[in-house]
Structures are given as C-alpha cells and as structure tokens.
Protein backbone atom coordinates (compact mmCIF):
# COMPACT_ATOMS: atom_id res chain seq x y z
CA MET A 1 -3.12 -3.83 19.60
CA THR A 2 0.32 -4.21 18.39
CA VAL A 3 1.75 -2.95 15.13
CA ILE A 4 4.95 -4.85 14.16
CA ASN A 5 7.73 -3.55 11.37
CA ASN A 6 10.31 -4.79 10.93
CA ALA A 7 10.95 -3.14 8.07
CA ARG A 8 11.71 0.17 9.58
CA ALA A 9 9.13 1.04 6.80
CA ASP A 10 6.82 5.09 7.07
CA VAL A 11 3.55 3.78 8.63
CA ARG A 12 0.83 6.84 9.35
CA THR A 13 -1.24 6.20 11.91
CA GLU A 14 -5.23 8.04 11.46
CA GLU A 15 -7.40 7.73 14.26
CA ARG A 16 -11.61 8.76 14.44
CA ASP A 17 -14.19 8.45 16.55
CA ASP A 18 -16.99 6.24 15.27
CA GLY A 19 -19.85 7.58 16.82
CA LYS A 20 -20.47 4.66 19.26
CA GLY A 21 -18.07 5.19 21.62
CA GLY A 22 -15.52 3.45 19.86
CA ARG A 23 -12.43 3.92 17.47
CA ASN A 24 -11.88 3.25 14.08
CA VAL A 25 -8.47 2.73 13.57
CA THR A 26 -5.92 3.03 9.78
CA PHE A 27 -3.15 2.04 8.71
CA VAL A 28 -2.47 3.90 6.06
CA LEU A 29 1.20 2.38 3.52
CA GLU A 30 0.38 4.57 0.34
CA GLU A 31 4.06 4.86 0.09
CA GLN A 32 5.55 1.91 0.40
CA VAL A 33 2.69 -0.11 -1.86
CA ALA A 34 3.19 2.71 -4.77
CA SER A 35 7.46 1.86 -4.82
CA ALA A 36 6.31 -2.06 -4.93
CA ILE A 37 3.47 -1.33 -7.56
CA THR A 38 5.56 0.59 -9.98
CA ARG A 39 9.15 -1.36 -9.15
CA PRO A 40 10.00 -4.35 -11.49
CA GLY A 41 9.23 -8.19 -10.20
CA SER A 42 8.28 -6.77 -7.73
CA ALA A 43 5.20 -8.89 -5.80
CA ALA A 44 2.51 -6.14 -6.06
CA ASN A 45 3.49 -5.55 -9.70
CA ARG A 46 3.24 -9.57 -10.01
CA ALA A 47 -0.15 -8.84 -8.63
CA MET A 48 -1.84 -6.14 -10.72
CA ARG A 49 -0.08 -7.38 -14.08
CA ALA A 50 -1.82 -11.05 -12.74
CA ASN A 51 -5.15 -9.37 -12.14
CA PHE A 52 -5.76 -6.52 -13.83
CA GLY A 53 -4.09 -6.47 -17.08
CA VAL A 54 -1.99 -3.23 -16.54
CA GLY A 55 1.99 -3.19 -17.04
CA GLN A 56 3.93 -0.15 -18.21
CA ARG A 57 3.43 1.98 -21.15
CA LEU A 58 5.99 1.53 -24.02
CA VAL A 59 7.12 5.24 -25.07
CA LYS A 60 7.50 5.99 -29.44
CA ARG A 61 9.93 8.27 -29.81
C-alpha cells in the first residue's frame, strides 16, 4: 500500500493483526479533520452544516 501525503498533514497509522493471518491498517487524520470542521467556510464545515444541521453557538453576554 502506498499513501501519498502531498499536504504534509500529520497522519498516524495503526496496524493490527486481524486474527486470520492478515493485517488491518488504519490511517488516523483526527487533528486535520477537527481543524477543518471548526474552520468557518471550509468544505468540512459546510458539509456538517448542510447535512447535520450543525452550527456555531452564539455566546450571550
């Protein structure tokens, strides 16, 4: 398997035995996804708003 990371994003890999003689490889992009979701106007932020009705909370002062 080859992963090309042109964005230089931090990607963590986790590899486990699947119990059948094979391997399960998981690529974790947790920090990048969290950053994209919280960045106003990003594609991930727009998708969350459009598909799940998620929006920013207004702070009462």
